[in-house]
Amino acid sequence: MSIQPPLTELDIETASSGFYEGFSKVVTIGSKVAIGALILWAVVFPEGAGSALKGIRSTIDANTGSWYMYVMTFYIVVCLALALWPSTGKIRLGGENSKPEFSNFSWFSMMFGAGIGIGMLTYATGEPLYHFGNNPSVIMGDTTASDADNVRAAMKWSFLHWGFSAWGCYAIVGLSLAFFSYSRGLPLTIRSGLTPLFGRHLEGPLGNIVDIVSVIATILGVSVTLGYGVSQFAAGVYNITGFNWIMQADGTPTNIAMLAALVIVMFASTLSALSGVGKGIKWLSNINMGLSFFILAFFLVFGSTMFALSSLFTGIWDYIIALPAMSMTVWTADGDAESVISKLAGWQGGWTIFYWAWWIAFAPFVGLFLARISKGRTIREYVLGAMIVPSIMCFVWFAFAGGTAIDLTLNGGAGDQITGAGLSSQLFAMINFMLSPALATLMSIVIVVLLLTYLVTSADSAVLIINTIAAAGDESPKGRIHIITWGVILTLVIGGLLLAGGLGAINTAMIIGALPFSVVMALMGVSLLKALIRDGLRKNENNGG
């Protein structure tokens, strides 16, 4: 029986005139209505919204842990299998004659800046320090909290959250979209990744729902990243200026400070988005990477170099060996809050499950962006560049920033000067301990500038991607007023959720938005496998095999 040719066109209805000319009215207006309702709810009823979000979060945490753990493993397996399989690994995204648009350095810089840069600056110090004090190995009694025997475990669990799982999550979406858009000629929008499963049904309501879910997940996922970013940005400005109105007594930035930082960032990012990917975003990404290497060089020279190198290599070894078990083990509370299993479940829900939801919510944005900048790459090259290399970059960051913080706390006499600071302030607290006041101020300025460029890069990339989905996959930065509108909407979402409950409310809204898109991503993986298998069968059929 002959295999039918693949679908190479998808007729997505767009407006032919008026304000929404070139855009899908259903996707654009539907997304705005859903997000607008969230903003109004959070601003008008902040206490009720905060309470309701917590209730929904508790239900999701109690019932979806297994799903998140197993589906993230599925994303990694699909990406690695397609890259390592000889016949699929050499497939070039966009056709055999397609050439990459960007140099390797710019390509990697844009991937890293959009995908993880902001969060890495916040967590590279704070997360290893936290896990140094508590992690599953400590809870089970295998290591001692805040002692030398817990350093390897702290790094292993930090690497889990910022390694192959995170980048595999991004890579599966980007690979699917790049293949179906550039090799099949379908629109560069999320629904195209499901065509082998649902065909032309995606031209109607089903496809619209998929794209609306993608836009909502993107806005909520980016909101978490920008929320943490503006928090650390405000902490950096406080470290430089000492203005008391920026910081609260508990070491966290005030809402006024974060809202002011948010307005600055979103204004700059909207201007950058108007210039498109090849100009503003590309140049900002290159600046990001240059400053990142400068800060890494600082820790290499002035940090705990040998301690960090040891943490890096043993951490990578421990992580790779333990990855299958860490990825597939699910702890479920037994009702006794003091039992080991309940403590393990609480830790996993607060860290691993939170991260998996964060990466999934961020995936439609980063994945579509990766697809947009990866035309001309082979699948093997794409997976290496989008999954393996960025993971190693994160490991280096965590080993040098987090490793230095642990060494200063354990052996360098820092006491609780670093661990006692809020998450957003720990990097600056470490700088203050290491350097004289004048040099610490200069280094803080460099970090704040890097934070600003990372924030702007992530925000303007997100605005362009949302605009692309709403425009049925049109990649051009069309509709300047729409780019500005999405920038304003993103600002209002973050600001509204901050007022409703701070960063906790943003985190909870993101976890809720990530759940439906995690299903879409799983279907994208199945769809991609089906498409490539059928392509192989057609090739054999045509060759008389």
Protein backbone atom coordinates (compact mmCIF):
# COMPACT_ATOMS: atom_id res chain seq x y z
CA MET A 1 0.00 0.00 0.00
CA SER A 2 1.42 3.34 -1.09
CA ILE A 3 2.16 5.92 1.63
CA GLN A 4 0.44 9.24 1.05
CA PRO A 5 2.69 12.28 0.45
CA PRO A 6 3.19 14.57 3.47
CA LEU A 7 1.10 17.68 4.02
CA THR A 8 3.03 20.70 2.75
CA GLU A 9 0.51 23.46 3.21
CA LEU A 10 -1.77 24.60 6.00
CA ASP A 11 -4.40 27.22 5.26
CA ILE A 12 -4.66 29.30 8.44
CA GLU A 13 -7.28 31.99 8.10
CA THR A 14 -5.95 35.52 8.58
CA ALA A 15 -7.64 38.91 8.28
CA SER A 16 -7.29 40.51 4.82
CA SER A 17 -7.81 44.08 6.01
CA GLY A 18 -8.26 46.25 9.07
CA PHE A 19 -6.32 46.38 12.33
CA TYR A 20 -5.65 42.62 12.34
CA GLU A 21 -4.58 42.41 8.68
CA GLY A 22 -2.24 39.43 8.28
CA PHE A 23 -3.10 38.04 11.73
CA SER A 24 -5.35 35.22 12.86
CA LYS A 25 -8.14 37.04 14.65
CA VAL A 26 -9.14 33.99 16.67
CA VAL A 27 -5.62 33.37 17.99
CA THR A 28 -4.75 37.03 18.55
CA ILE A 29 -8.01 38.13 20.16
CA GLY A 30 -8.49 34.83 22.02
CA SER A 31 -5.03 35.11 23.58
CA LYS A 32 -5.57 38.76 24.53
CA VAL A 33 -8.95 38.03 26.11
CA ALA A 34 -7.54 35.15 28.19
CA ILE A 35 -4.48 37.12 29.31
CA GLY A 36 -6.58 40.26 29.85
CA ALA A 37 -8.90 38.35 32.17
CA LEU A 38 -5.88 37.15 34.15
CA ILE A 39 -4.54 40.71 34.46
CA LEU A 40 -7.90 42.11 35.63
CA TRP A 41 -8.36 39.27 38.10
CA ALA A 42 -4.88 39.75 39.56
CA VAL A 43 -5.16 43.56 39.80
CA VAL A 44 -8.79 43.94 40.92
CA PHE A 45 -8.88 40.95 43.30
CA PRO A 46 -5.23 40.44 44.30
CA GLU A 47 -5.93 38.52 47.53
CA GLY A 48 -8.57 36.26 45.99
CA ALA A 49 -6.42 35.66 42.91
CA GLY A 50 -3.40 34.81 45.04
CA SER A 51 -5.43 32.36 47.16
CA ALA A 52 -7.05 30.69 44.14
CA LEU A 53 -3.71 30.32 42.36
CA LYS A 54 -2.23 28.62 45.42
CA GLY A 55 -5.15 26.18 45.56
CA ILE A 56 -4.80 25.23 41.90
CA ARG A 57 -1.02 24.91 42.35
CA SER A 58 -1.49 22.46 45.23
CA THR A 59 -3.81 20.30 43.14
CA ILE A 60 -1.39 20.26 40.20
CA ASP A 61 1.61 19.49 42.42
CA ALA A 62 -0.24 16.57 44.01
CA ASN A 63 -1.37 14.94 40.76
CA THR A 64 1.01 15.73 37.91
CA GLY A 65 4.49 15.01 39.28
CA SER A 66 4.81 11.68 37.49
CA TRP A 67 3.63 13.17 34.20
CA TYR A 68 6.20 15.97 34.30
CA MET A 69 9.06 13.63 35.22
CA TYR A 70 8.33 11.06 32.51
CA VAL A 71 7.44 13.47 29.72
CA MET A 72 10.69 15.44 30.20
CA THR A 73 12.60 12.17 29.83
CA PHE A 74 10.68 11.48 26.62
CA TYR A 75 11.81 14.84 25.14
CA ILE A 76 15.48 14.01 25.80
CA VAL A 77 15.21 10.51 24.34
CA VAL A 78 13.55 11.75 21.12
CA CYS A 79 16.18 14.44 20.50
CA LEU A 80 19.14 12.15 21.15
CA ALA A 81 17.66 9.29 19.12
CA LEU A 82 17.09 11.50 16.07
CA ALA A 83 20.57 13.02 16.33
CA LEU A 84 22.37 9.68 16.77
CA TRP A 85 20.41 7.70 14.18
CA PRO A 86 22.53 7.96 11.00
CA SER A 87 19.73 8.54 8.49
CA THR A 88 17.93 11.23 10.53
CA GLY A 89 20.98 12.94 12.02
CA LYS A 90 22.20 14.11 8.61
CA ILE A 91 18.87 15.62 7.53
CA ARG A 92 19.34 19.34 6.89
CA LEU A 93 16.58 21.62 8.16
CA GLY A 94 15.44 23.51 5.09
CA GLY A 95 16.70 21.11 2.42
CA GLU A 96 20.08 19.85 1.26
CA ASN A 97 21.12 23.19 -0.23
CA SER A 98 20.08 25.31 2.73
CA LYS A 99 22.81 27.30 4.48
CA PRO A 100 22.82 28.69 8.05
CA GLU A 101 21.82 32.36 8.32
CA PHE A 102 23.97 33.09 11.39
CA SER A 103 27.56 32.31 12.38
CA ASN A 104 28.09 29.65 15.03
CA PHE A 105 28.95 32.28 17.64
CA SER A 106 25.85 34.40 16.97
CA TRP A 107 23.69 31.27 16.74
CA PHE A 108 24.87 29.96 20.09
CA SER A 109 24.73 33.43 21.69
CA MET A 110 21.09 33.94 20.69
CA MET A 111 20.10 30.45 21.86
CA PHE A 112 21.77 30.88 25.21
CA GLY A 113 20.57 34.43 25.83
CA ALA A 114 16.96 33.69 24.96
CA GLY A 115 16.86 30.28 26.57
CA ILE A 116 18.37 30.56 30.01
CA GLY A 117 20.66 33.56 30.54
CA ILE A 118 18.61 35.52 33.10
CA GLY A 119 17.72 32.58 35.31
CA MET A 120 21.28 31.33 35.23
CA LEU A 121 22.59 34.61 36.65
CA THR A 122 20.06 34.38 39.48
CA TYR A 123 20.44 30.67 40.24
CA ALA A 124 24.11 29.93 39.44
CA THR A 125 25.06 31.11 42.92
CA GLY A 126 21.82 30.52 44.83
CA GLU A 127 20.89 27.00 43.77
CA PRO A 128 24.17 25.18 44.57
CA LEU A 129 24.18 27.02 47.92
CA TYR A 130 20.62 25.87 48.65
CA HIS A 131 21.31 22.26 47.69
CA PHE A 132 24.52 22.41 49.74
CA GLY A 133 22.19 22.87 52.71
CA ASN A 134 19.42 20.49 51.62
CA ASN A 135 18.84 17.99 48.82
CA PRO A 136 17.54 14.40 48.52
CA SER A 137 20.91 12.99 49.59
CA VAL A 138 20.69 15.01 52.83
CA ILE A 139 17.04 14.05 53.40
CA MET A 140 17.87 10.35 52.97
CA GLY A 141 20.88 10.65 55.29
CA ASP A 142 23.55 9.88 52.66
CA THR A 143 25.32 13.23 53.08
CA THR A 144 25.54 15.95 55.73
CA ALA A 145 23.92 19.35 55.25
CA SER A 146 26.38 22.21 54.66
CA ASP A 147 29.38 19.89 54.98
CA ALA A 148 32.17 18.94 52.59
CA ASP A 149 30.64 15.54 51.81
CA ASN A 150 27.55 17.28 50.37
CA VAL A 151 29.32 19.36 47.68
CA ARG A 152 29.06 16.71 44.96
CA ALA A 153 25.38 16.09 45.66
CA ALA A 154 24.68 19.85 45.56
CA MET A 155 26.25 20.12 42.12
CA LYS A 156 24.60 16.96 40.80
CA TRP A 157 21.11 18.19 41.62
CA SER A 158 21.86 21.69 40.30
CA PHE A 159 23.09 20.21 37.02
CA LEU A 160 19.91 18.13 36.73
CA HIS A 161 17.73 21.24 36.63
CA TRP A 162 19.86 23.18 34.12
CA GLY A 163 21.18 20.38 31.93
CA PHE A 164 19.91 18.09 29.21
CA SER A 165 16.31 18.09 30.46
CA ALA A 166 15.91 21.86 30.14
CA TRP A 167 17.58 22.09 26.75
CA GLY A 168 15.96 18.89 25.47
CA CYS A 169 12.62 20.51 26.28
CA TYR A 170 13.52 23.52 24.12
CA ALA A 171 15.16 21.40 21.44
CA ILE A 172 12.15 19.15 20.79
CA VAL A 173 9.91 22.14 20.01
CA GLY A 174 12.54 23.89 17.89
CA LEU A 175 13.42 20.74 15.97
CA SER A 176 9.78 19.97 15.23
CA LEU A 177 9.03 23.48 14.01
CA ALA A 178 12.24 23.82 12.00
CA PHE A 179 11.56 20.51 10.24
CA PHE A 180 7.90 21.12 9.44
CA SER A 181 8.40 24.78 8.52
CA TYR A 182 11.66 24.70 6.59
CA SER A 183 11.68 21.15 5.22
CA ARG A 184 7.94 20.80 4.65
CA GLY A 185 7.05 24.44 3.91
CA LEU A 186 4.40 24.74 6.63
CA PRO A 187 3.83 27.97 8.60
CA LEU A 188 6.26 28.67 11.45
CA THR A 189 3.69 28.21 14.18
CA ILE A 190 3.10 25.60 16.87
CA ARG A 191 0.19 23.84 15.18
CA SER A 192 2.41 22.89 12.22
CA GLY A 193 4.29 20.47 14.45
CA LEU A 194 1.16 18.34 14.81
CA THR A 195 0.23 17.94 11.14
CA PRO A 196 1.21 14.23 10.82
CA LEU A 197 -1.28 13.45 13.61
CA PHE A 198 -4.19 15.79 12.85
CA GLY A 199 -3.70 16.94 9.24
CA ARG A 200 -6.02 19.66 7.97
CA HIS A 201 -8.07 19.62 11.16
CA LEU A 202 -5.40 22.04 12.39
CA GLU A 203 -6.71 24.69 9.98
CA GLY A 204 -9.77 25.15 12.19
CA PRO A 205 -10.62 25.38 15.91
CA LEU A 206 -8.17 22.65 16.98
CA GLY A 207 -5.22 24.53 15.51
CA ASN A 208 -6.43 27.80 16.99
CA ILE A 209 -6.62 26.23 20.45
CA VAL A 210 -3.07 24.87 20.12
CA ASP A 211 -1.71 28.30 19.16
CA ILE A 212 -3.67 30.11 21.91
CA VAL A 213 -2.34 27.64 24.51
CA SER A 214 1.15 28.30 23.12
CA VAL A 215 0.82 32.08 23.40
CA ILE A 216 -0.50 31.86 26.97
CA ALA A 217 2.26 29.43 28.02
CA THR A 218 4.86 31.70 26.41
CA ILE A 219 3.64 34.82 28.21
CA LEU A 220 3.50 33.04 31.57
CA GLY A 221 6.86 31.29 31.10
CA VAL A 222 8.59 34.51 30.08
CA SER A 223 6.90 36.26 33.00
CA VAL A 224 8.69 33.96 35.47
CA THR A 225 12.06 34.55 33.84
CA LEU A 226 11.60 38.30 33.64
CA GLY A 227 10.19 38.38 37.17
CA TYR A 228 13.36 36.82 38.59
CA GLY A 229 15.46 38.95 36.27
CA VAL A 230 14.00 42.30 37.33
CA SER A 231 14.27 41.17 40.96
CA GLN A 232 18.00 40.57 40.59
CA PHE A 233 18.36 43.73 38.49
CA ALA A 234 16.81 45.74 41.34
CA ALA A 235 19.11 43.98 43.84
CA GLY A 236 22.10 44.93 41.69
CA VAL A 237 21.05 48.57 41.50
CA TYR A 238 20.67 48.55 45.30
CA ASN A 239 24.16 47.07 45.66
CA ILE A 240 25.52 49.92 43.52
CA THR A 241 23.48 52.83 44.89
CA GLY A 242 22.41 51.78 48.37
CA PHE A 243 18.96 53.36 47.91
CA ASN A 244 16.80 52.05 50.77
CA TRP A 245 13.51 52.19 48.83
CA ILE A 246 14.77 49.41 46.54
CA MET A 247 15.22 46.70 49.19
CA GLN A 248 13.04 45.36 51.99
CA ALA A 249 14.27 44.35 55.43
CA ASP A 250 14.19 40.64 54.48
CA GLY A 251 16.68 41.19 51.64
CA THR A 252 14.18 41.02 48.76
CA PRO A 253 13.48 43.93 46.39
CA THR A 254 10.34 46.00 46.92
CA ASN A 255 7.47 45.74 44.43
CA ILE A 256 8.01 49.40 43.49
CA ALA A 257 11.64 48.69 42.61
CA MET A 258 10.73 45.64 40.53
CA LEU A 259 7.91 47.46 38.73
CA ALA A 260 10.26 50.35 37.90
CA ALA A 261 12.88 47.90 36.58
CA LEU A 262 10.17 46.11 34.60
CA VAL A 263 9.07 49.30 32.83
CA ILE A 264 12.67 50.11 31.87
CA VAL A 265 13.32 46.61 30.55
CA MET A 266 10.10 46.32 28.56
CA PHE A 267 10.52 49.75 26.98
CA ALA A 268 14.01 48.82 25.78
CA SER A 269 12.95 45.35 24.65
CA THR A 270 10.01 46.64 22.63
CA LEU A 271 12.33 49.02 20.77
CA SER A 272 14.70 46.09 20.10
CA ALA A 273 11.84 43.85 18.90
CA LEU A 274 10.82 46.48 16.37
CA SER A 275 14.26 46.11 14.75
CA GLY A 276 13.87 42.33 14.21
CA VAL A 277 16.04 39.28 14.89
CA GLY A 278 18.93 40.13 12.58
CA LYS A 279 19.67 43.51 14.15
CA GLY A 280 18.82 44.32 17.77
CA ILE A 281 18.46 40.78 19.09
CA LYS A 282 21.58 39.51 17.33
CA TRP A 283 23.79 42.35 18.57
CA LEU A 284 22.45 42.22 22.12
CA SER A 285 23.03 38.45 22.18
CA ASN A 286 26.64 38.89 21.13
CA ILE A 287 27.11 41.48 23.90
CA ASN A 288 25.54 39.03 26.36
CA MET A 289 27.99 36.32 25.46
CA GLY A 290 31.00 38.64 25.65
CA LEU A 291 30.04 39.89 29.12
CA SER A 292 29.24 36.33 30.26
CA PHE A 293 32.74 35.18 29.31
CA PHE A 294 34.19 38.23 31.10
CA ILE A 295 32.39 37.30 34.35
CA LEU A 296 33.41 33.65 33.96
CA ALA A 297 37.02 34.80 33.48
CA PHE A 298 36.70 36.82 36.69
CA PHE A 299 35.66 33.73 38.66
CA LEU A 300 38.38 31.70 36.94
CA VAL A 301 41.06 34.16 38.10
CA PHE A 302 39.70 35.45 41.41
CA GLY A 303 37.30 32.68 42.47
CA SER A 304 37.93 29.28 44.02
CA THR A 305 39.44 27.92 40.81
CA MET A 306 40.59 24.46 41.85
CA PHE A 307 37.48 23.87 43.97
CA ALA A 308 35.30 24.95 41.03
CA LEU A 309 37.14 22.78 38.50
CA SER A 310 36.84 19.77 40.80
CA SER A 311 33.12 20.52 41.26
CA LEU A 312 32.68 20.82 37.50
CA PHE A 313 34.24 17.53 36.48
CA THR A 314 32.95 15.42 39.36
CA GLY A 315 29.55 17.11 39.02
CA ILE A 316 29.28 16.24 35.32
CA TRP A 317 30.34 12.65 36.00
CA ASP A 318 27.88 12.26 38.88
CA TYR A 319 25.11 13.89 36.84
CA ILE A 320 25.51 11.68 33.78
CA ILE A 321 25.73 8.49 35.85
CA ALA A 322 22.69 9.41 37.94
CA LEU A 323 20.62 11.05 35.18
CA PRO A 324 18.34 8.05 34.45
CA ALA A 325 17.51 7.57 38.13
CA MET A 326 17.09 11.30 38.83
CA SER A 327 14.85 11.68 35.77
CA MET A 328 12.61 8.69 36.44
CA THR A 329 12.30 8.59 40.23
CA VAL A 330 9.03 10.08 41.52
CA TRP A 331 8.44 10.63 45.23
CA THR A 332 4.82 10.78 46.46
CA ALA A 333 3.93 12.11 49.90
CA ASP A 334 2.46 9.54 52.29
CA GLY A 335 0.43 11.97 54.41
CA ASP A 336 3.02 12.24 57.19
CA ALA A 337 4.74 15.62 56.78
CA GLU A 338 7.73 14.46 58.85
CA SER A 339 8.40 11.22 56.95
CA VAL A 340 11.38 10.96 54.62
CA ILE A 341 9.21 10.21 51.58
CA SER A 342 7.03 13.29 52.21
CA LYS A 343 10.10 15.49 52.58
CA LEU A 344 11.51 14.08 49.35
CA ALA A 345 8.18 14.72 47.58
CA GLY A 346 8.11 18.29 48.91
CA TRP A 347 11.66 18.91 47.72
CA GLN A 348 10.93 17.44 44.29
CA GLY A 349 7.75 19.49 43.90
CA GLY A 350 9.44 22.72 44.94
CA TRP A 351 12.50 22.24 42.75
CA THR A 352 12.39 19.60 39.99
CA ILE A 353 8.68 19.77 39.14
CA PHE A 354 8.78 23.58 39.30
CA TYR A 355 11.70 23.64 36.90
CA TRP A 356 10.12 21.16 34.49
CA ALA A 357 6.98 23.32 34.35
CA TRP A 358 9.12 26.44 33.87
CA TRP A 359 11.05 24.99 30.95
CA ILE A 360 7.85 23.67 29.34
CA ALA A 361 6.13 27.05 29.65
CA PHE A 362 9.24 28.69 28.17
CA ALA A 363 9.51 26.10 25.37
CA PRO A 364 7.07 27.54 22.78
CA PHE A 365 9.01 30.81 22.86
CA VAL A 366 12.53 29.36 22.92
CA GLY A 367 11.64 26.48 20.59
CA LEU A 368 10.11 28.70 17.93
CA PHE A 369 13.03 31.09 18.31
CA LEU A 370 15.52 28.20 17.92
CA ALA A 371 13.69 27.09 14.79
CA ARG A 372 13.77 30.65 13.44
CA ILE A 373 17.59 30.90 13.78
CA SER A 374 18.51 27.26 12.92
CA LYS A 375 17.52 26.94 9.28
CA GLY A 376 20.31 25.22 7.35
CA ARG A 377 21.61 23.14 10.27
CA THR A 378 21.51 19.33 10.25
CA ILE A 379 19.46 17.58 12.95
CA ARG A 380 22.68 16.27 14.53
CA GLU A 381 24.27 19.72 14.48
CA TYR A 382 21.07 21.26 15.84
CA VAL A 383 20.83 18.86 18.80
CA LEU A 384 24.52 19.31 19.59
CA GLY A 385 24.18 23.10 19.41
CA ALA A 386 20.78 23.42 21.08
CA MET A 387 21.02 20.74 23.77
CA ILE A 388 24.54 19.54 24.59
CA VAL A 389 26.70 22.68 24.31
CA PRO A 390 24.34 25.01 26.26
CA SER A 391 24.09 22.41 29.03
CA ILE A 392 27.87 22.34 29.36
CA MET A 393 27.91 26.15 29.46
CA CYS A 394 25.41 26.05 32.34
CA PHE A 395 27.53 23.47 34.17
CA VAL A 396 30.58 25.74 33.89
CA TRP A 397 28.62 28.71 35.23
CA PHE A 398 27.25 26.77 38.19
CA ALA A 399 30.60 25.23 39.03
CA PHE A 400 32.45 28.54 39.05
CA ALA A 401 29.81 30.85 40.55
CA GLY A 402 28.12 28.32 42.84
CA GLY A 403 31.32 26.43 43.60
CA THR A 404 33.08 29.63 44.63
CA ALA A 405 30.13 30.57 46.88
CA ILE A 406 30.18 27.13 48.54
CA ASP A 407 33.97 27.24 49.03
CA LEU A 408 33.85 30.73 50.55
CA THR A 409 31.09 29.58 52.89
CA LEU A 410 32.77 26.28 53.78
CA ASN A 411 36.44 27.28 53.85
CA GLY A 412 36.75 31.01 53.15
CA GLY A 413 35.26 32.55 56.27
CA ALA A 414 32.15 33.98 54.60
CA GLY A 415 29.88 32.56 57.31
CA ASP A 416 26.28 33.43 56.47
CA GLN A 417 27.15 36.60 54.53
CA ILE A 418 26.28 34.89 51.22
CA THR A 419 23.79 32.26 52.36
CA GLY A 420 21.93 34.83 54.46
CA ALA A 421 21.22 37.09 51.47
CA GLY A 422 18.05 36.71 49.43
CA LEU A 423 18.20 34.63 46.25
CA SER A 424 18.37 37.75 44.05
CA SER A 425 21.19 39.24 46.14
CA GLN A 426 23.50 36.26 46.68
CA LEU A 427 25.67 36.88 43.62
CA PHE A 428 26.22 40.49 44.73
CA ALA A 429 26.83 39.39 48.35
CA MET A 430 29.59 37.08 47.08
CA ILE A 431 31.14 39.87 45.02
CA ASN A 432 31.05 42.18 48.07
CA PHE A 433 32.85 39.54 50.15
CA MET A 434 35.52 38.88 47.52
CA LEU A 435 36.40 42.44 46.49
CA SER A 436 37.04 45.87 47.96
CA PRO A 437 34.00 48.20 47.98
CA ALA A 438 35.17 50.12 44.91
CA LEU A 439 35.92 46.99 42.85
CA ALA A 440 32.72 45.33 44.05
CA THR A 441 30.74 48.32 42.77
CA LEU A 442 32.47 48.17 39.37
CA MET A 443 31.83 44.42 39.09
CA SER A 444 28.20 44.93 40.15
CA ILE A 445 27.80 47.44 37.32
CA VAL A 446 29.07 44.86 34.81
CA ILE A 447 26.62 42.26 36.17
CA VAL A 448 23.71 44.72 36.08
CA VAL A 449 24.50 45.64 32.47
CA LEU A 450 24.61 41.92 31.58
CA LEU A 451 21.31 41.38 33.37
CA LEU A 452 19.76 44.26 31.45
CA THR A 453 20.90 42.90 28.08
CA TYR A 454 19.71 39.38 28.98
CA LEU A 455 16.35 40.76 30.10
CA VAL A 456 15.93 42.82 26.94
CA THR A 457 17.00 39.90 24.71
CA SER A 458 14.52 37.50 26.32
CA ALA A 459 11.66 39.99 26.33
CA ASP A 460 12.08 41.22 22.76
CA SER A 461 12.54 37.68 21.44
CA ALA A 462 9.36 36.64 23.25
CA VAL A 463 7.40 39.55 21.78
CA LEU A 464 8.54 38.65 18.26
CA ILE A 465 7.66 34.98 18.77
CA ILE A 466 4.19 35.77 20.13
CA ASN A 467 3.67 38.05 17.14
CA THR A 468 4.78 35.25 14.78
CA ILE A 469 2.32 32.74 16.27
CA ALA A 470 -0.51 35.30 16.11
CA ALA A 471 0.39 36.06 12.49
CA ALA A 472 -0.04 32.39 11.46
CA GLY A 473 3.71 31.84 11.24
CA ASP A 474 4.73 34.99 9.36
CA GLU A 475 8.34 35.55 10.50
CA SER A 476 8.67 39.20 9.49
CA PRO A 477 8.36 41.76 12.32
CA LYS A 478 5.04 42.90 10.87
CA GLY A 479 2.47 45.05 12.58
CA ARG A 480 4.57 47.46 14.65
CA ILE A 481 1.53 48.36 16.72
CA HIS A 482 1.02 44.66 17.51
CA ILE A 483 4.64 44.30 18.66
CA ILE A 484 4.11 47.27 20.98
CA THR A 485 0.78 45.85 22.17
CA TRP A 486 2.31 42.48 23.11
CA GLY A 487 5.12 44.30 24.92
CA VAL A 488 2.55 46.22 26.96
CA ILE A 489 0.56 43.04 27.67
CA LEU A 490 3.66 41.22 28.88
CA THR A 491 4.49 44.16 31.16
CA LEU A 492 0.95 44.21 32.59
CA VAL A 493 0.93 40.45 33.23
CA ILE A 494 4.18 40.56 35.19
CA GLY A 495 3.16 43.73 37.05
CA GLY A 496 -0.32 42.40 37.87
CA LEU A 497 0.96 39.08 39.18
CA LEU A 498 3.63 40.84 41.25
CA LEU A 499 0.86 42.85 42.91
CA ALA A 500 -1.25 39.70 43.41
CA GLY A 501 1.42 37.78 45.26
CA GLY A 502 4.92 38.62 44.12
CA LEU A 503 7.14 36.06 42.40
CA GLY A 504 5.16 33.22 43.99
CA ALA A 505 2.01 34.22 42.09
CA ILE A 506 3.96 34.40 38.82
CA ASN A 507 5.44 30.94 39.45
CA THR A 508 2.01 29.45 40.16
CA ALA A 509 0.38 31.00 37.08
CA MET A 510 3.22 29.62 34.97
CA ILE A 511 2.85 26.08 36.35
CA ILE A 512 -0.88 26.19 35.52
CA GLY A 513 -0.19 27.41 31.98
CA ALA A 514 2.55 24.83 31.38
CA LEU A 515 0.38 21.76 31.96
CA PRO A 516 -1.68 21.85 28.71
CA PHE A 517 1.36 22.75 26.63
CA SER A 518 3.30 19.79 28.02
CA VAL A 519 0.71 17.59 26.26
CA VAL A 520 1.15 19.56 23.03
CA MET A 521 4.93 19.05 23.26
CA ALA A 522 4.56 15.30 23.76
CA LEU A 523 2.35 15.15 20.68
CA MET A 524 4.96 17.18 18.75
CA GLY A 525 7.57 14.55 19.60
CA VAL A 526 5.30 11.70 18.48
CA SER A 527 4.39 13.65 15.35
CA LEU A 528 8.03 14.25 14.43
CA LEU A 529 8.91 10.58 14.87
CA LYS A 530 5.94 9.58 12.72
CA ALA A 531 6.90 12.04 9.97
CA LEU A 532 10.53 10.91 9.80
CA ILE A 533 9.62 7.20 9.86
CA ARG A 534 7.13 7.70 7.03
CA ASP A 535 9.72 9.71 5.07
CA GLY A 536 12.10 6.77 5.38
CA LEU A 537 9.42 4.35 4.21
CA ARG A 538 8.59 6.56 1.21
CA LYS A 539 12.27 6.71 0.30
CA ASN A 540 12.56 2.92 0.41
CA GLU A 541 9.33 2.61 -1.60
CA ASN A 542 10.61 5.00 -4.27
CA ASN A 543 13.92 3.10 -4.42
CA GLY A 544 12.05 -0.14 -4.91
CA GLY A 545 12.92 -1.39 -1.40
